[in-house]
Amino acid sequence: MTDAPLTVRGFRIYKGFLYGNTQAAMAADIRAVAASAPLFSPMTPYGKPMSVRMTSAGKYGWFADRRGYRYVTEHPLGTEWPPIPDSVLSVWRAVTGLERMPDCCLVNFYGPKARMGLHQDRDEADFSFPVVSISLGDDGLFRIGSQERGGKTESVWLTSGDVVVMGGEARLTYHGVDKIRPGSSTLLEGEGRLNLTLRVVD
């Protein structure tokens, strides 16, 4: 774990926050989440499936279809989401210092060609709480914009074990993932990247 975060446009990026053994244990916890709530490819409101596959843990899961983007209390299979693993909650506690725990851990799996366009996380009730992002597996090229669409952006490679805190001025900043670097990590079986984002929803 690094002591001081790298700050890019208000995003606090903790490089190497999680060591190898801790990453492996967390990846195993996420495999258990996916066994209970299988990964799926949401359909966007524009009628195209997202290139990432996802699932969730906690009180809520994030969902998308022709009706729009929203949080739901059940997996598409009709089952409740599994609890957020303690290994993941410990990161939230460490980087936020908050007693309030997140309501959702969104799990995005990026295959070799998956990406996530620039977007804001704004489906939550209270933007004073940060969003915490954890990277596991292959490197991902993280792009950071501004609070308005368009304009200049900055990019940084996120590697396995990095943690990003999006709070304050960065809370409603546009961000996305342009690509991953297949084979850059041996943490996961085969190629791919897991991104966990912790959110207070209510």
Protein backbone atom coordinates (compact mmCIF):
# COMPACT_ATOMS: atom_id res chain seq x y z
CA MET A 1 0.00 0.00 0.00
CA THR A 2 1.23 3.47 -0.88
CA ASP A 3 1.00 6.21 1.76
CA ALA A 4 0.00 9.21 -0.38
CA PRO A 5 -2.46 8.91 -3.26
CA LEU A 6 -1.91 10.24 -6.74
CA THR A 7 -4.51 12.95 -7.34
CA VAL A 8 -5.83 13.52 -10.86
CA ARG A 9 -8.66 16.07 -11.23
CA GLY A 10 -9.82 15.31 -7.70
CA PHE A 11 -9.68 11.53 -8.12
CA ARG A 12 -7.52 10.02 -5.35
CA ILE A 13 -5.66 7.05 -6.83
CA TYR A 14 -3.96 4.71 -4.34
CA LYS A 15 -1.43 2.77 -6.41
CA GLY A 16 -0.68 -0.71 -5.10
CA PHE A 17 -3.13 -0.42 -2.22
CA LEU A 18 -3.74 -4.20 -2.14
CA TYR A 19 -0.88 -6.70 -2.04
CA GLY A 20 -0.86 -9.97 -3.97
CA ASN A 21 -2.25 -12.27 -1.28
CA THR A 22 -4.98 -9.77 -0.44
CA GLN A 23 -5.89 -9.45 -4.10
CA ALA A 24 -6.13 -13.23 -4.47
CA ALA A 25 -8.39 -13.53 -1.43
CA MET A 26 -10.65 -10.74 -2.69
CA ALA A 27 -10.82 -12.31 -6.17
CA ALA A 28 -11.93 -15.57 -4.54
CA ASP A 29 -14.64 -13.67 -2.64
CA ILE A 30 -15.87 -12.14 -5.90
CA ARG A 31 -15.95 -15.56 -7.57
CA ALA A 32 -18.27 -16.64 -4.76
CA VAL A 33 -20.47 -13.59 -5.40
CA ALA A 34 -20.64 -14.46 -9.11
CA ALA A 35 -21.50 -18.08 -8.28
CA SER A 36 -24.52 -16.83 -6.30
CA ALA A 37 -25.42 -13.99 -8.68
CA PRO A 38 -24.06 -14.87 -12.15
CA LEU A 39 -22.49 -12.27 -14.43
CA PHE A 40 -24.81 -10.89 -17.12
CA SER A 41 -24.62 -8.38 -19.98
CA PRO A 42 -27.13 -5.54 -19.46
CA MET A 43 -28.99 -4.07 -22.42
CA THR A 44 -28.57 -0.31 -22.72
CA PRO A 45 -31.56 1.99 -23.30
CA TYR A 46 -30.26 2.28 -26.87
CA GLY A 47 -30.88 -1.41 -27.50
CA LYS A 48 -27.27 -2.60 -27.48
CA PRO A 49 -25.71 -4.94 -24.90
CA MET A 50 -22.88 -3.50 -22.82
CA SER A 51 -19.44 -4.93 -23.58
CA VAL A 52 -18.77 -5.52 -19.87
CA ARG A 53 -20.47 -8.27 -17.93
CA MET A 54 -21.60 -7.45 -14.43
CA THR A 55 -23.16 -8.54 -11.18
CA SER A 56 -23.55 -6.96 -7.75
CA ALA A 57 -23.44 -7.56 -4.02
CA GLY A 58 -25.24 -5.75 -1.22
CA LYS A 59 -28.72 -4.34 -0.71
CA TYR A 60 -28.91 -3.17 -4.31
CA GLY A 61 -27.51 -4.11 -7.69
CA TRP A 62 -27.07 -1.87 -10.71
CA PHE A 63 -29.15 -2.70 -13.76
CA ALA A 64 -29.85 -1.40 -17.25
CA ASP A 65 -32.42 -2.14 -19.94
CA ARG A 66 -34.64 -0.30 -22.42
CA ARG A 67 -36.28 1.51 -19.47
CA GLY A 68 -32.99 3.07 -18.38
CA TYR A 69 -30.29 2.76 -15.72
CA ARG A 70 -31.26 2.08 -12.11
CA TYR A 71 -30.65 0.15 -8.90
CA VAL A 72 -32.73 -2.96 -8.21
CA THR A 73 -33.06 -5.26 -5.20
CA GLU A 74 -32.91 -8.52 -7.17
CA HIS A 75 -30.66 -10.20 -9.72
CA PRO A 76 -32.31 -10.73 -13.15
CA LEU A 77 -32.81 -14.36 -12.10
CA GLY A 78 -35.12 -13.12 -9.31
CA THR A 79 -32.80 -13.79 -6.36
CA GLU A 80 -31.49 -11.30 -3.80
CA TRP A 81 -27.96 -10.02 -4.23
CA PRO A 82 -25.36 -11.70 -1.97
CA PRO A 83 -23.74 -9.68 0.85
CA ILE A 84 -20.74 -7.48 0.12
CA PRO A 85 -17.65 -9.46 1.18
CA ASP A 86 -15.80 -8.24 4.28
CA SER A 87 -12.57 -8.05 2.26
CA VAL A 88 -14.18 -5.40 0.07
CA LEU A 89 -15.79 -3.50 2.94
CA SER A 90 -12.40 -3.26 4.65
CA VAL A 91 -11.11 -1.20 1.71
CA TRP A 92 -14.10 1.17 1.99
CA ARG A 93 -13.38 1.68 5.68
CA ALA A 94 -9.68 2.25 5.10
CA VAL A 95 -9.95 4.87 2.33
CA THR A 96 -13.11 6.72 3.43
CA GLY A 97 -13.03 6.53 7.25
CA LEU A 98 -16.84 6.44 7.15
CA GLU A 99 -19.10 4.50 9.49
CA ARG A 100 -21.78 4.43 6.79
CA MET A 101 -21.28 1.30 4.74
CA PRO A 102 -22.05 1.10 1.00
CA ASP A 103 -25.38 -0.30 -0.20
CA CYS A 104 -23.98 -1.71 -3.44
CA CYS A 105 -20.81 -3.28 -4.74
CA LEU A 106 -21.07 -3.29 -8.52
CA VAL A 107 -18.80 -5.90 -10.12
CA ASN A 108 -17.79 -5.23 -13.73
CA PHE A 109 -15.83 -7.83 -15.66
CA TYR A 110 -13.86 -6.54 -18.65
CA GLY A 111 -12.89 -9.09 -21.25
CA PRO A 112 -10.05 -8.31 -23.70
CA LYS A 113 -12.23 -6.06 -25.90
CA ALA A 114 -14.56 -4.56 -23.29
CA ARG A 115 -14.68 -0.86 -22.52
CA MET A 116 -16.82 1.65 -20.63
CA GLY A 117 -17.68 4.99 -22.21
CA LEU A 118 -17.39 8.27 -20.34
CA HIS A 119 -20.21 8.54 -17.81
CA GLN A 120 -21.21 10.03 -14.45
CA ASP A 121 -22.29 8.00 -11.43
CA ARG A 122 -25.45 9.91 -10.57
CA ASP A 123 -28.17 7.35 -9.77
CA GLU A 124 -27.52 7.69 -6.02
CA ALA A 125 -29.54 9.82 -3.58
CA ASP A 126 -26.67 11.65 -1.86
CA PHE A 127 -23.58 12.75 -3.78
CA SER A 128 -21.73 13.72 -0.60
CA PHE A 129 -20.71 10.06 -0.24
CA PRO A 130 -17.79 8.96 -2.44
CA VAL A 131 -17.65 6.11 -4.90
CA VAL A 132 -14.73 3.74 -4.25
CA SER A 133 -13.28 1.70 -7.11
CA ILE A 134 -11.04 -1.39 -6.78
CA SER A 135 -9.09 -2.88 -9.70
CA LEU A 136 -8.23 -6.59 -9.91
CA GLY A 137 -6.58 -8.40 -12.81
CA ASP A 138 -5.41 -6.91 -16.09
CA ASP A 139 -4.48 -3.23 -16.38
CA GLY A 140 -7.22 -0.81 -17.44
CA LEU A 141 -6.76 2.59 -19.11
CA PHE A 142 -8.89 4.90 -16.95
CA ARG A 143 -9.99 8.15 -18.60
CA ILE A 144 -11.00 11.20 -16.54
CA GLY A 145 -12.92 14.12 -18.00
CA SER A 146 -14.73 17.02 -16.35
CA GLN A 147 -18.20 17.59 -14.91
CA GLU A 148 -19.49 18.46 -18.38
CA ARG A 149 -19.39 16.37 -21.55
CA GLY A 150 -16.59 17.21 -23.94
CA GLY A 151 -13.33 18.98 -23.29
CA LYS A 152 -9.90 17.65 -22.53
CA THR A 153 -9.39 14.40 -20.66
CA GLU A 154 -6.54 12.71 -18.82
CA SER A 155 -5.79 9.00 -18.66
CA VAL A 156 -3.96 6.77 -16.20
CA TRP A 157 -3.31 3.04 -16.25
CA LEU A 158 -4.88 1.27 -13.27
CA THR A 159 -3.17 -1.97 -12.27
CA SER A 160 -4.28 -4.85 -10.08
CA GLY A 161 -4.59 -3.72 -6.47
CA ASP A 162 -5.13 -0.03 -7.24
CA VAL A 163 -7.96 1.78 -5.44
CA VAL A 164 -9.62 5.01 -6.63
CA VAL A 165 -11.75 7.32 -4.46
CA MET A 166 -14.19 9.55 -6.36
CA GLY A 167 -15.43 12.14 -3.90
CA GLY A 168 -15.85 15.87 -3.50
CA GLU A 169 -15.20 17.69 -6.78
CA ALA A 170 -14.61 14.37 -8.54
CA ARG A 171 -17.91 12.79 -7.51
CA LEU A 172 -19.80 13.87 -10.65
CA THR A 173 -16.84 13.95 -13.02
CA TYR A 174 -17.14 11.98 -16.24
CA HIS A 175 -14.91 8.92 -16.35
CA GLY A 176 -14.58 5.65 -18.22
CA VAL A 177 -12.29 2.80 -19.30
CA ASP A 178 -10.93 2.92 -22.84
CA LYS A 179 -9.32 -0.51 -22.94
CA ILE A 180 -7.58 -3.17 -20.94
CA ARG A 181 -4.12 -4.63 -21.42
CA PRO A 182 -4.78 -8.39 -21.86
CA GLY A 183 -2.32 -10.67 -20.12
CA SER A 184 -0.82 -7.95 -17.92
CA SER A 185 -1.84 -9.80 -14.74
CA THR A 186 -1.94 -13.44 -13.69
CA LEU A 187 -4.42 -12.87 -10.84
CA LEU A 188 -7.51 -14.07 -12.71
CA GLU A 189 -7.88 -17.26 -14.67
CA GLY A 190 -7.37 -16.24 -18.28
CA GLU A 191 -7.44 -12.64 -19.46
CA GLY A 192 -9.67 -9.98 -17.96
CA ARG A 193 -10.15 -7.25 -15.40
CA LEU A 194 -12.51 -6.97 -12.45
CA ASN A 195 -13.58 -3.54 -11.31
CA LEU A 196 -15.50 -3.24 -8.06
CA THR A 197 -17.28 0.02 -7.29
CA LEU A 198 -18.75 0.68 -3.88
CA ARG A 199 -21.68 3.11 -3.65
CA VAL A 200 -24.02 4.51 -1.01
CA VAL A 201 -27.40 4.39 -2.80
CA ASP A 202 -30.04 5.53 -0.28
